[in-house]
């Protein structure tokens, strides 16, 4: 059962040849490295964003202190003209400074309140 030469040529052409394993081209290698680097950068950025601390204190003590500062301000005063009134005008409106004192502040108020409690 021999095959003729023309039959052998037909079967040789029709049978698939095993493909050689192709090596990656320089472009494919470059793109793979680029994708890997971008993935690493994205993961790093996500991790940094998740652990980001904006440095703003959000404890109840900090919020109370901030509220006290805002309460002591006088927003109606022009800060460029009279900064002291702008920064401390609210405190001055709420607290009467005794004429006998050359200075008067929060510690003096606390001392006076404590003296009243102790008497």
PDB file of N, CA and C in Angstrom:
ATOM      1  N   UNK A   1       0.810  -1.156   0.000  1.00  0.00           N
ATOM      2  CA  UNK A   1       0.000   0.000   0.000  1.00  0.00           C
ATOM      3  C   UNK A   1       0.862   1.230   0.000  1.00  0.00           C
ATOM      4  N   UNK A   2       1.379   1.403  -1.025  1.00  0.00           N
ATOM      5  CA  UNK A   2       2.213   2.564  -1.144  1.00  0.00           C
ATOM      6  C   UNK A   2       1.428   3.775  -1.575  1.00  0.00           C
ATOM      7  N   UNK A   3       1.926   4.862  -1.213  1.00  0.00           N
ATOM      8  CA  UNK A   3       1.278   6.111  -1.584  1.00  0.00           C
ATOM      9  C   UNK A   3       2.079   6.722  -2.701  1.00  0.00           C
ATOM     10  N   UNK A   4       1.364   7.348  -3.540  1.00  0.00           N
ATOM     11  CA  UNK A   4       2.070   8.016  -4.617  1.00  0.00           C
ATOM     12  C   UNK A   4       2.679   9.300  -4.074  1.00  0.00           C
ATOM     13  N   UNK A   5       3.545   9.843  -4.821  1.00  0.00           N
ATOM     14  CA  UNK A   5       4.245  11.044  -4.380  1.00  0.00           C
ATOM     15  C   UNK A   5       3.287  12.213  -4.205  1.00  0.00           C
ATOM     16  N   UNK A   6       2.281  12.314  -5.043  1.00  0.00           N
ATOM     17  CA  UNK A   6       1.331  13.417  -4.947  1.00  0.00           C
ATOM     18  C   UNK A   6       0.452  13.262  -3.707  1.00  0.00           C
ATOM     19  N   UNK A   7       0.134  12.015  -3.328  1.00  0.00           N
ATOM     20  CA  UNK A   7      -0.667  11.794  -2.122  1.00  0.00           C
ATOM     21  C   UNK A   7       0.146  12.153  -0.876  1.00  0.00           C
ATOM     22  N   UNK A   8       1.415  11.858  -0.896  1.00  0.00           N
ATOM     23  CA  UNK A   8       2.259  12.176   0.250  1.00  0.00           C
ATOM     24  C   UNK A   8       2.382  13.688   0.422  1.00  0.00           C
ATOM     25  N   UNK A   9       2.469  14.412  -0.670  1.00  0.00           N
ATOM     26  CA  UNK A   9       2.558  15.864  -0.590  1.00  0.00           C
ATOM     27  C   UNK A   9       1.279  16.462  -0.002  1.00  0.00           C
ATOM     28  N   UNK A  10       0.133  15.914  -0.383  1.00  0.00           N
ATOM     29  CA  UNK A  10      -1.149  16.435   0.100  1.00  0.00           C
ATOM     30  C   UNK A  10      -1.281  16.194   1.601  1.00  0.00           C
ATOM     31  N   UNK A  11      -0.951  14.986   2.032  1.00  0.00           N
ATOM     32  CA  UNK A  11      -1.094  14.688   3.455  1.00  0.00           C
ATOM     33  C   UNK A  11      -0.075  15.467   4.278  1.00  0.00           C
ATOM     34  N   UNK A  12       1.103  15.679   3.744  1.00  0.00           N
ATOM     35  CA  UNK A  12       2.098  16.462   4.475  1.00  0.00           C
ATOM     36  C   UNK A  12       1.657  17.918   4.628  1.00  0.00           C
ATOM     37  N   UNK A  13       1.018  18.425   3.631  1.00  0.00           N
ATOM     38  CA  UNK A  13       0.576  19.819   3.680  1.00  0.00           C
ATOM     39  C   UNK A  13      -0.614  19.963   4.630  1.00  0.00           C
ATOM     40  N   UNK A  14      -1.518  18.996   4.633  1.00  0.00           N
ATOM     41  CA  UNK A  14      -2.741  19.092   5.433  1.00  0.00           C
ATOM     42  C   UNK A  14      -2.516  18.807   6.914  1.00  0.00           C
ATOM     43  N   UNK A  15      -1.527  18.050   7.261  1.00  0.00           N
ATOM     44  CA  UNK A  15      -1.316  17.741   8.675  1.00  0.00           C
ATOM     45  C   UNK A  15      -0.689  18.947   9.363  1.00  0.00           C
ATOM     46  N   UNK A  16      -1.245  19.325  10.524  1.00  0.00           N
ATOM     47  CA  UNK A  16      -0.680  20.496  11.214  1.00  0.00           C
ATOM     48  C   UNK A  16       0.685  20.163  11.801  1.00  0.00           C
ATOM     49  N   UNK A  17       1.569  21.091  11.645  1.00  0.00           N
ATOM     50  CA  UNK A  17       2.910  20.915  12.186  1.00  0.00           C
ATOM     51  C   UNK A  17       2.912  21.435  13.620  1.00  0.00           C
ATOM     52  N   UNK A  18       3.617  20.781  14.497  1.00  0.00           N
ATOM     53  CA  UNK A  18       3.664  21.292  15.873  1.00  0.00           C
ATOM     54  C   UNK A  18       4.340  22.668  15.890  1.00  0.00           C
ATOM     55  N   UNK A  19       3.679  23.602  16.620  1.00  0.00           N
ATOM     56  CA  UNK A  19       4.215  24.970  16.664  1.00  0.00           C
ATOM     57  C   UNK A  19       5.406  25.018  17.607  1.00  0.00           C
ATOM     58  N   UNK A  20       6.371  25.766  17.203  1.00  0.00           N
ATOM     59  CA  UNK A  20       7.511  25.995  18.080  1.00  0.00           C
ATOM     60  C   UNK A  20       7.086  27.004  19.143  1.00  0.00           C
ATOM     61  N   UNK A  21       7.586  26.823  20.319  1.00  0.00           N
ATOM     62  CA  UNK A  21       7.284  27.771  21.379  1.00  0.00           C
ATOM     63  C   UNK A  21       8.013  29.069  21.053  1.00  0.00           C
ATOM     64  N   UNK A  22       7.200  30.118  20.856  1.00  0.00           N
ATOM     65  CA  UNK A  22       7.797  31.395  20.474  1.00  0.00           C
ATOM     66  C   UNK A  22       8.270  32.130  21.721  1.00  0.00           C
ATOM     67  N   UNK A  23       9.366  32.780  21.602  1.00  0.00           N
ATOM     68  CA  UNK A  23       9.878  33.604  22.686  1.00  0.00           C
ATOM     69  C   UNK A  23       9.154  34.943  22.645  1.00  0.00           C
ATOM     70  N   UNK A  24       9.120  35.595  23.792  1.00  0.00           N
ATOM     71  CA  UNK A  24       8.474  36.898  23.857  1.00  0.00           C
ATOM     72  C   UNK A  24       9.324  37.924  23.119  1.00  0.00           C
ATOM     73  N   UNK A  25       8.641  38.799  22.447  1.00  0.00           N
ATOM     74  CA  UNK A  25       9.350  39.860  21.741  1.00  0.00           C
ATOM     75  C   UNK A  25       9.729  40.936  22.759  1.00  0.00           C
ATOM     76  N   UNK A  26      10.677  41.769  22.442  1.00  0.00           N
ATOM     77  CA  UNK A  26      11.048  42.854  23.365  1.00  0.00           C
ATOM     78  C   UNK A  26       9.860  43.772  23.706  1.00  0.00           C
ATOM     79  N   UNK A  27       8.967  43.977  22.756  1.00  0.00           N
ATOM     80  CA  UNK A  27       7.789  44.803  23.017  1.00  0.00           C
ATOM     81  C   UNK A  27       6.887  44.141  24.055  1.00  0.00           C
ATOM     82  N   UNK A  28       6.672  42.843  23.933  1.00  0.00           N
ATOM     83  CA  UNK A  28       5.837  42.121  24.898  1.00  0.00           C
ATOM     84  C   UNK A  28       6.473  42.137  26.288  1.00  0.00           C
ATOM     85  N   UNK A  29       7.764  41.981  26.352  1.00  0.00           N
ATOM     86  CA  UNK A  29       8.464  42.020  27.641  1.00  0.00           C
ATOM     87  C   UNK A  29       8.335  43.412  28.260  1.00  0.00           C
ATOM     88  N   UNK A  30       8.535  44.440  27.458  1.00  0.00           N
ATOM     89  CA  UNK A  30       8.430  45.818  27.957  1.00  0.00           C
ATOM     90  C   UNK A  30       7.022  46.109  28.465  1.00  0.00           C
ATOM     91  N   UNK A  31       6.016  45.695  27.712  1.00  0.00           N
ATOM     92  CA  UNK A  31       4.635  45.929  28.135  1.00  0.00           C
ATOM     93  C   UNK A  31       4.298  45.145  29.403  1.00  0.00           C
ATOM     94  N   UNK A  32       4.808  43.935  29.519  1.00  0.00           N
ATOM     95  CA  UNK A  32       4.564  43.138  30.727  1.00  0.00           C
ATOM     96  C   UNK A  32       5.197  43.793  31.949  1.00  0.00           C
ATOM     97  N   UNK A  33       6.411  44.279  31.802  1.00  0.00           N
ATOM     98  CA  UNK A  33       7.093  44.961  32.905  1.00  0.00           C
ATOM     99  C   UNK A  33       6.332  46.237  33.274  1.00  0.00           C
ATOM    100  N   UNK A  34       5.859  46.967  32.268  1.00  0.00           N
ATOM    101  CA  UNK A  34       5.104  48.193  32.512  1.00  0.00           C
ATOM    102  C   UNK A  34       3.805  47.901  33.267  1.00  0.00           C
ATOM    103  N   UNK A  35       3.089  46.868  32.864  1.00  0.00           N
ATOM    104  CA  UNK A  35       1.847  46.494  33.551  1.00  0.00           C
ATOM    105  C   UNK A  35       2.147  46.085  34.990  1.00  0.00           C
ATOM    106  N   UNK A  36       3.215  45.342  35.196  1.00  0.00           N
ATOM    107  CA  UNK A  36       3.594  44.923  36.547  1.00  0.00           C
ATOM    108  C   UNK A  36       3.927  46.137  37.419  1.00  0.00           C
ATOM    109  N   UNK A  37       4.697  47.068  36.892  1.00  0.00           N
ATOM    110  CA  UNK A  37       5.048  48.272  37.647  1.00  0.00           C
ATOM    111  C   UNK A  37       3.815  49.116  37.968  1.00  0.00           C
ATOM    112  N   UNK A  38       2.919  49.277  37.002  1.00  0.00           N
ATOM    113  CA  UNK A  38       1.701  50.046  37.243  1.00  0.00           C
ATOM    114  C   UNK A  38       0.824  49.378  38.296  1.00  0.00           C
ATOM    115  N   UNK A  39       0.782  48.063  38.294  1.00  0.00           N
ATOM    116  CA  UNK A  39       0.013  47.339  39.309  1.00  0.00           C
ATOM    117  C   UNK A  39       0.613  47.563  40.691  1.00  0.00           C
ATOM    118  N   UNK A  40       1.932  47.486  40.789  1.00  0.00           N
ATOM    119  CA  UNK A  40       2.599  47.711  42.077  1.00  0.00           C
ATOM    120  C   UNK A  40       2.348  49.137  42.561  1.00  0.00           C
ATOM    121  N   UNK A  41       2.442  50.104  41.665  1.00  0.00           N
ATOM    122  CA  UNK A  41       2.198  51.501  42.037  1.00  0.00           C
ATOM    123  C   UNK A  41       0.755  51.691  42.487  1.00  0.00           C
ATOM    124  N   UNK A  42      -0.194  51.091  41.776  1.00  0.00           N
ATOM    125  CA  UNK A  42      -1.608  51.224  42.147  1.00  0.00           C
ATOM    126  C   UNK A  42      -1.875  50.625  43.519  1.00  0.00           C
ATOM    127  N   UNK A  43      -1.322  49.452  43.790  1.00  0.00           N
ATOM    128  CA  UNK A  43      -1.521  48.811  45.096  1.00  0.00           C
ATOM    129  C   UNK A  43      -0.894  49.665  46.199  1.00  0.00           C
ATOM    130  N   UNK A  44       0.283  50.214  45.938  1.00  0.00           N
ATOM    131  CA  UNK A  44       0.948  51.073  46.917  1.00  0.00           C
ATOM    132  C   UNK A  44       0.127  52.329  47.194  1.00  0.00           C
ATOM    133  N   UNK A  45      -0.388  52.954  46.147  1.00  0.00           N
ATOM    134  CA  UNK A  45      -1.194  54.165  46.322  1.00  0.00           C
ATOM    135  C   UNK A  45      -2.473  53.868  47.098  1.00  0.00           C
ATOM    136  N   UNK A  46      -3.105  52.747  46.819  1.00  0.00           N
ATOM    137  CA  UNK A  46      -4.324  52.371  47.544  1.00  0.00           C
ATOM    138  C   UNK A  46      -4.000  52.135  49.015  1.00  0.00           C
ATOM    139  N   UNK A  47      -2.897  51.460  49.286  1.00  0.00           N
ATOM    140  CA  UNK A  47      -2.506  51.203  50.678  1.00  0.00           C
ATOM    141  C   UNK A  47      -2.186  52.508  51.405  1.00  0.00           C
ATOM    142  N   UNK A  48      -1.501  53.420  50.742  1.00  0.00           N
ATOM    143  CA  UNK A  48      -1.179  54.707  51.367  1.00  0.00           C
ATOM    144  C   UNK A  48      -2.435  55.535  51.606  1.00  0.00           C
ATOM    145  N   UNK A  49      -3.356  55.517  50.667  1.00  0.00           N
ATOM    146  CA  UNK A  49      -4.597  56.276  50.817  1.00  0.00           C
ATOM    147  C   UNK A  49      -5.440  55.719  51.955  1.00  0.00           C
ATOM    148  N   UNK A  50      -5.441  54.398  52.102  1.00  0.00           N
ATOM    149  CA  UNK A  50      -6.245  53.772  53.157  1.00  0.00           C
ATOM    150  C   UNK A  50      -5.698  54.103  54.542  1.00  0.00           C
ATOM    151  N   UNK A  51      -4.391  54.306  54.651  1.00  0.00           N
ATOM    152  CA  UNK A  51      -3.787  54.584  55.956  1.00  0.00           C
ATOM    153  C   UNK A  51      -3.459  56.066  56.140  1.00  0.00           C
ATOM    154  N   UNK A  52      -3.946  56.925  55.260  1.00  0.00           N
ATOM    155  CA  UNK A  52      -3.636  58.356  55.317  1.00  0.00           C
ATOM    156  C   UNK A  52      -4.277  59.003  56.541  1.00  0.00           C
ATOM    157  N   UNK A  53      -3.490  59.776  57.246  1.00  0.00           N
ATOM    158  CA  UNK A  53      -3.973  60.533  58.392  1.00  0.00           C
ATOM    159  C   UNK A  53      -3.756  62.005  58.075  1.00  0.00           C
ATOM    160  N   UNK A  54      -4.841  62.765  58.032  1.00  0.00           N
ATOM    161  CA  UNK A  54      -4.726  64.164  57.649  1.00  0.00           C
ATOM    162  C   UNK A  54      -4.171  65.058  58.752  1.00  0.00           C
ATOM    163  N   UNK A  55      -3.895  64.490  59.920  1.00  0.00           N
ATOM    164  CA  UNK A  55      -3.274  65.238  60.999  1.00  0.00           C
ATOM    165  C   UNK A  55      -4.234  66.114  61.783  1.00  0.00           C
ATOM    166  N   UNK A  56      -5.516  65.998  61.500  1.00  0.00           N
ATOM    167  CA  UNK A  56      -6.501  66.792  62.223  1.00  0.00           C
ATOM    168  C   UNK A  56      -6.999  65.987  63.410  1.00  0.00           C
ATOM    169  N   UNK A  57      -6.902  66.574  64.572  1.00  0.00           N
ATOM    170  CA  UNK A  57      -7.357  65.913  65.793  1.00  0.00           C
ATOM    171  C   UNK A  57      -8.883  65.920  65.812  1.00  0.00           C
ATOM    172  N   UNK A  58      -9.467  64.753  66.003  1.00  0.00           N
ATOM    173  CA  UNK A  58     -10.920  64.642  65.997  1.00  0.00           C
ATOM    174  C   UNK A  58     -11.464  64.131  67.327  1.00  0.00           C
ATOM    175  N   UNK A  59     -10.654  64.210  68.371  1.00  0.00           N
ATOM    176  CA  UNK A  59     -11.118  63.763  69.685  1.00  0.00           C
ATOM    177  C   UNK A  59     -12.091  64.800  70.254  1.00  0.00           C
ATOM    178  N   UNK A  60     -12.830  64.409  71.267  1.00  0.00           N
ATOM    179  CA  UNK A  60     -13.812  65.333  71.849  1.00  0.00           C
ATOM    180  C   UNK A  60     -13.124  66.547  72.478  1.00  0.00           C
ATOM    181  N   UNK A  61     -11.952  66.349  73.067  1.00  0.00           N
ATOM    182  CA  UNK A  61     -11.221  67.480  73.656  1.00  0.00           C
ATOM    183  C   UNK A  61     -10.794  68.488  72.593  1.00  0.00           C
ATOM    184  N   UNK A  62     -10.329  67.986  71.465  1.00  0.00           N
ATOM    185  CA  UNK A  62      -9.912  68.888  70.386  1.00  0.00           C
ATOM    186  C   UNK A  62     -11.110  69.652  69.822  1.00  0.00           C
ATOM    187  N   UNK A  63     -12.226  68.969  69.686  1.00  0.00           N
ATOM    188  CA  UNK A  63     -13.424  69.624  69.157  1.00  0.00           C
ATOM    189  C   UNK A  63     -13.926  70.684  70.137  1.00  0.00           C
ATOM    190  N   UNK A  64     -13.875  70.380  71.434  1.00  0.00           N
ATOM    191  CA  UNK A  64     -14.281  71.369  72.443  1.00  0.00           C
ATOM    192  C   UNK A  64     -13.350  72.578  72.414  1.00  0.00           C
ATOM    193  N   UNK A  65     -12.055  72.341  72.277  1.00  0.00           N
ATOM    194  CA  UNK A  65     -11.092  73.453  72.226  1.00  0.00           C
ATOM    195  C   UNK A  65     -11.325  74.314  70.993  1.00  0.00           C
ATOM    196  N   UNK A  66     -11.570  73.674  69.867  1.00  0.00           N
ATOM    197  CA  UNK A  66     -11.828  74.424  68.637  1.00  0.00           C
ATOM    198  C   UNK A  66     -13.112  75.239  68.765  1.00  0.00           C
ATOM    199  N   UNK A  67     -14.136  74.643  69.371  1.00  0.00           N
ATOM    200  CA  UNK A  67     -15.394  75.370  69.566  1.00  0.00           C
ATOM    201  C   UNK A  67     -15.183  76.567  70.492  1.00  0.00           C
ATOM    202  N   UNK A  68     -14.375  76.389  71.522  1.00  0.00           N
ATOM    203  CA  UNK A  68     -14.087  77.484  72.456  1.00  0.00           C
ATOM    204  C   UNK A  68     -13.340  78.614  71.737  1.00  0.00           C
ATOM    205  N   UNK A  69     -12.404  78.260  70.876  1.00  0.00           N
ATOM    206  CA  UNK A  69     -11.671  79.288  70.123  1.00  0.00           C
ATOM    207  C   UNK A  69     -12.604  80.057  69.200  1.00  0.00           C
ATOM    208  N   UNK A  70     -13.476  79.341  68.516  1.00  0.00           N
ATOM    209  CA  UNK A  70     -14.416  80.001  67.605  1.00  0.00           C
ATOM    210  C   UNK A  70     -15.388  80.874  68.395  1.00  0.00           C
ATOM    211  N   UNK A  71     -15.791  80.388  69.556  1.00  0.00           N
ATOM    212  CA  UNK A  71     -16.699  81.141  70.412  1.00  0.00           C
ATOM    213  C   UNK A  71     -16.048  82.440  70.895  1.00  0.00           C
ATOM    214  N   UNK A  72     -14.763  82.421  71.107  1.00  0.00           N
ATOM    215  CA  UNK A  72     -14.051  83.608  71.594  1.00  0.00           C
ATOM    216  C   UNK A  72     -13.756  84.621  70.493  1.00  0.00           C
ATOM    217  N   UNK A  73     -13.979  84.248  69.250  1.00  0.00           N
ATOM    218  CA  UNK A  73     -13.717  85.158  68.139  1.00  0.00           C
ATOM    219  C   UNK A  73     -14.893  86.105  67.932  1.00  0.00           C
ATOM    220  N   UNK A  74     -14.609  87.217  67.290  1.00  0.00           N
ATOM    221  CA  UNK A  74     -15.651  88.156  66.876  1.00  0.00           C
ATOM    222  C   UNK A  74     -15.563  88.246  65.357  1.00  0.00           C
ATOM    223  N   UNK A  75     -16.406  87.482  64.681  1.00  0.00           N
ATOM    224  CA  UNK A  75     -16.339  87.403  63.223  1.00  0.00           C
ATOM    225  C   UNK A  75     -16.778  88.699  62.554  1.00  0.00           C
ATOM    226  N   UNK A  76     -17.437  89.594  63.300  1.00  0.00           N
ATOM    227  CA  UNK A  76     -17.869  90.859  62.699  1.00  0.00           C
ATOM    228  C   UNK A  76     -16.712  91.854  62.587  1.00  0.00           C
ATOM    229  N   UNK A  77     -15.663  91.657  63.368  1.00  0.00           N
ATOM    230  CA  UNK A  77     -14.507  92.567  63.325  1.00  0.00           C
ATOM    231  C   UNK A  77     -13.652  92.259  62.101  1.00  0.00           C
ATOM    232  N   UNK A  78     -13.024  93.288  61.583  1.00  0.00           N
ATOM    233  CA  UNK A  78     -12.141  93.140  60.423  1.00  0.00           C
ATOM    234  C   UNK A  78     -10.746  92.757  60.914  1.00  0.00           C
ATOM    235  N   UNK A  79     -10.252  91.551  60.578  1.00  0.00           N
ATOM    236  CA  UNK A  79      -8.961  91.109  61.115  1.00  0.00           C
ATOM    237  C   UNK A  79      -7.782  91.973  60.669  1.00  0.00           C
ATOM    238  N   UNK A  80      -7.867  92.584  59.510  1.00  0.00           N
ATOM    239  CA  UNK A  80      -6.757  93.423  59.049  1.00  0.00           C
ATOM    240  C   UNK A  80      -6.711  94.756  59.794  1.00  0.00           C
ATOM    241  N   UNK A  81      -7.841  95.196  60.289  1.00  0.00           N
ATOM    242  CA  UNK A  81      -7.907  96.468  61.008  1.00  0.00           C
ATOM    243  C   UNK A  81      -7.621  96.291  62.495  1.00  0.00           C
ATOM    244  N   UNK A  82      -8.330  95.355  63.128  1.00  0.00           N
ATOM    245  CA  UNK A  82      -8.185  95.138  64.574  1.00  0.00           C
ATOM    246  C   UNK A  82      -8.165  93.630  64.830  1.00  0.00           C
ATOM    247  N   UNK A  83      -6.999  93.051  64.759  1.00  0.00           N
ATOM    248  CA  UNK A  83      -6.892  91.596  64.896  1.00  0.00           C
ATOM    249  C   UNK A  83      -7.224  91.137  66.310  1.00  0.00           C
ATOM    250  N   UNK A  84      -6.868  91.927  67.320  1.00  0.00           N
ATOM    251  CA  UNK A  84      -7.167  91.542  68.702  1.00  0.00           C
ATOM    252  C   UNK A  84      -8.674  91.414  68.904  1.00  0.00           C
ATOM    253  N   UNK A  85      -9.430  92.374  68.387  1.00  0.00           N
ATOM    254  CA  UNK A  85     -10.890  92.303  68.513  1.00  0.00           C
ATOM    255  C   UNK A  85     -11.429  91.108  67.733  1.00  0.00           C
ATOM    256  N   UNK A  86     -10.849  90.843  66.567  1.00  0.00           N
ATOM    257  CA  UNK A  86     -11.277  89.694  65.763  1.00  0.00           C
ATOM    258  C   UNK A  86     -11.012  88.384  66.511  1.00  0.00           C
ATOM    259  N   UNK A  87      -9.842  88.254  67.119  1.00  0.00           N
ATOM    260  CA  UNK A  87      -9.465  87.001  67.778  1.00  0.00           C
ATOM    261  C   UNK A  87     -10.082  86.855  69.162  1.00  0.00           C
ATOM    262  N   UNK A  88     -10.266  87.943  69.885  1.00  0.00           N
ATOM    263  CA  UNK A  88     -10.704  87.864  71.292  1.00  0.00           C
ATOM    264  C   UNK A  88     -11.991  88.626  71.578  1.00  0.00           C
ATOM    265  N   UNK A  89     -12.621  89.183  70.573  1.00  0.00           N
ATOM    266  CA  UNK A  89     -13.807  90.011  70.791  1.00  0.00           C
ATOM    267  C   UNK A  89     -14.961  89.269  71.436  1.00  0.00           C
ATOM    268  N   UNK A  90     -15.171  88.019  71.093  1.00  0.00           N
ATOM    269  CA  UNK A  90     -16.249  87.230  71.696  1.00  0.00           C
ATOM    270  C   UNK A  90     -16.015  87.016  73.177  1.00  0.00           C
ATOM    271  N   UNK A  91     -14.778  86.777  73.544  1.00  0.00           N
ATOM    272  CA  UNK A  91     -14.439  86.584  74.963  1.00  0.00           C
ATOM    273  C   UNK A  91     -14.659  87.879  75.735  1.00  0.00           C
ATOM    274  N   UNK A  92     -14.263  88.993  75.130  1.00  0.00           N
ATOM    275  CA  UNK A  92     -14.425  90.290  75.792  1.00  0.00           C
ATOM    276  C   UNK A  92     -15.897  90.634  75.995  1.00  0.00           C
ATOM    277  N   UNK A  93     -16.762  90.230  75.054  1.00  0.00           N
ATOM    278  CA  UNK A  93     -18.195  90.504  75.192  1.00  0.00           C
ATOM    279  C   UNK A  93     -18.813  89.671  76.314  1.00  0.00           C
ATOM    280  N   UNK A  94     -18.338  88.463  76.513  1.00  0.00           N
ATOM    281  CA  UNK A  94     -18.919  87.556  77.504  1.00  0.00           C
ATOM    282  C   UNK A  94     -18.315  87.722  78.898  1.00  0.00           C
ATOM    283  N   UNK A  95     -17.140  88.264  79.011  1.00  0.00           N
ATOM    284  CA  UNK A  95     -16.456  88.357  80.305  1.00  0.00           C
ATOM    285  C   UNK A  95     -16.134  89.813  80.633  1.00  0.00           C
ATOM    286  N   UNK A  96     -16.496  90.203  81.823  1.00  0.00           N
ATOM    287  CA  UNK A  96     -16.191  91.558  82.286  1.00  0.00           C
ATOM    288  C   UNK A  96     -14.844  91.511  83.008  1.00  0.00           C
ATOM    289  N   UNK A  97     -13.939  92.361  82.573  1.00  0.00           N
ATOM    290  CA  UNK A  97     -12.618  92.409  83.199  1.00  0.00           C
ATOM    291  C   UNK A  97     -12.703  93.344  84.406  1.00  0.00           C
ATOM    292  N   UNK A  98     -12.351  92.859  85.590  1.00  0.00           N
ATOM    293  CA  UNK A  98     -12.401  93.730  86.773  1.00  0.00           C
ATOM    294  C   UNK A  98     -11.424  94.893  86.636  1.00  0.00           C
ATOM    295  N   UNK A  99     -11.835  96.034  87.154  1.00  0.00           N
ATOM    296  CA  UNK A  99     -10.984  97.226  87.056  1.00  0.00           C
ATOM    297  C   UNK A  99      -9.733  97.093  87.913  1.00  0.00           C
ATOM    298  N   UNK A 100      -9.768  96.203  88.880  1.00  0.00           N
ATOM    299  CA  UNK A 100      -8.613  96.030  89.767  1.00  0.00           C
ATOM    300  C   UNK A 100      -7.530  95.149  89.155  1.00  0.00           C
ATOM    301  N   UNK A 101      -7.825  94.506  88.052  1.00  0.00           N
ATOM    302  CA  UNK A 101      -6.863  93.576  87.438  1.00  0.00           C
ATOM    303  C   UNK A 101      -6.200  94.213  86.231  1.00  0.00           C
ATOM    304  N   UNK A 102      -4.889  94.058  86.173  1.00  0.00           N
ATOM    305  CA  UNK A 102      -4.170  94.541  84.993  1.00  0.00           C
ATOM    306  C   UNK A 102      -4.215  93.501  83.875  1.00  0.00           C
ATOM    307  N   UNK A 103      -4.464  92.268  84.276  1.00  0.00           N
ATOM    308  CA  UNK A 103      -4.630  91.195  83.289  1.00  0.00           C
ATOM    309  C   UNK A 103      -5.728  90.282  83.802  1.00  0.00           C
ATOM    310  N   UNK A 104      -6.419  89.640  82.870  1.00  0.00           N
ATOM    311  CA  UNK A 104      -7.517  88.756  83.252  1.00  0.00           C
ATOM    312  C   UNK A 104      -7.700  87.745  82.135  1.00  0.00           C
ATOM    313  N   UNK A 105      -7.757  86.465  82.506  1.00  0.00           N
ATOM    314  CA  UNK A 105      -7.878  85.420  81.493  1.00  0.00           C
ATOM    315  C   UNK A 105      -8.648  84.227  82.020  1.00  0.00           C
ATOM    316  N   UNK A 106      -8.584  83.146  81.288  1.00  0.00           N
ATOM    317  CA  UNK A 106      -9.317  81.928  81.652  1.00  0.00           C
ATOM    318  C   UNK A 106      -8.873  81.368  82.999  1.00  0.00           C
ATOM    319  N   UNK A 107      -7.586  81.434  83.291  1.00  0.00           N
ATOM    320  CA  UNK A 107      -7.104  80.914  84.572  1.00  0.00           C
ATOM    321  C   UNK A 107      -7.627  81.761  85.740  1.00  0.00           C
ATOM    322  N   UNK A 108      -7.724  83.051  85.505  1.00  0.00           N
ATOM    323  CA  UNK A 108      -8.281  83.920  86.551  1.00  0.00           C
ATOM    324  C   UNK A 108      -9.761  83.605  86.781  1.00  0.00           C
ATOM    325  N   UNK A 109     -10.479  83.353  85.721  1.00  0.00           N
ATOM    326  CA  UNK A 109     -11.896  82.980  85.842  1.00  0.00           C
ATOM    327  C   UNK A 109     -12.026  81.671  86.606  1.00  0.00           C
ATOM    328  N   UNK A 110     -11.200  80.692  86.264  1.00  0.00           N
ATOM    329  CA  UNK A 110     -11.235  79.405  86.972  1.00  0.00           C
ATOM    330  C   UNK A 110     -10.885  79.577  88.448  1.00  0.00           C
ATOM    331  N   UNK A 111      -9.903  80.435  88.740  1.00  0.00           N
ATOM    332  CA  UNK A 111      -9.525  80.684  90.133  1.00  0.00           C
ATOM    333  C   UNK A 111     -10.686  81.307  90.906  1.00  0.00           C
ATOM    334  N   UNK A 112     -11.360  82.280  90.282  1.00  0.00           N
ATOM    335  CA  UNK A 112     -12.503  82.923  90.939  1.00  0.00           C
ATOM    336  C   UNK A 112     -13.636  81.926  91.184  1.00  0.00           C
ATOM    337  N   UNK A 113     -13.910  81.070  90.188  1.00  0.00           N
ATOM    338  CA  UNK A 113     -14.965  80.060  90.353  1.00  0.00           C
ATOM    339  C   UNK A 113     -14.599  79.067  91.450  1.00  0.00           C
ATOM    340  N   UNK A 114     -13.336  78.689  91.526  1.00  0.00           N
ATOM    341  CA  UNK A 114     -12.882  77.756  92.555  1.00  0.00           C
ATOM    342  C   UNK A 114     -12.988  78.375  93.949  1.00  0.00           C
ATOM    343  N   UNK A 115     -12.673  79.655  94.057  1.00  0.00           N
ATOM    344  CA  UNK A 115     -12.795  80.336  95.348  1.00  0.00           C
ATOM    345  C   UNK A 115     -14.244  80.366  95.818  1.00  0.00           C
ATOM    346  N   UNK A 116     -15.175  80.550  94.876  1.00  0.00           N
ATOM    347  CA  UNK A 116     -16.599  80.552  95.229  1.00  0.00           C
ATOM    348  C   UNK A 116     -17.020  79.174  95.717  1.00  0.00           C
ATOM    349  N   UNK A 117     -16.533  78.121  95.067  1.00  0.00           N
ATOM    350  CA  UNK A 117     -16.885  76.755  95.460  1.00  0.00           C
ATOM    351  C   UNK A 117     -16.304  76.426  96.822  1.00  0.00           C
ATOM    352  N   UNK A 118     -15.083  76.867  97.079  1.00  0.00           N
ATOM    353  CA  UNK A 118     -14.417  76.539  98.339  1.00  0.00           C
ATOM    354  C   UNK A 118     -14.989  77.300  99.532  1.00  0.00           C
ATOM    355  N   UNK A 119     -15.636  78.434  99.326  1.00  0.00           N
ATOM    356  CA  UNK A 119     -16.165  79.238 100.441  1.00  0.00           C
ATOM    357  C   UNK A 119     -17.419  78.670 100.977  1.00  0.00           C
TER     358      UNK A 119
END
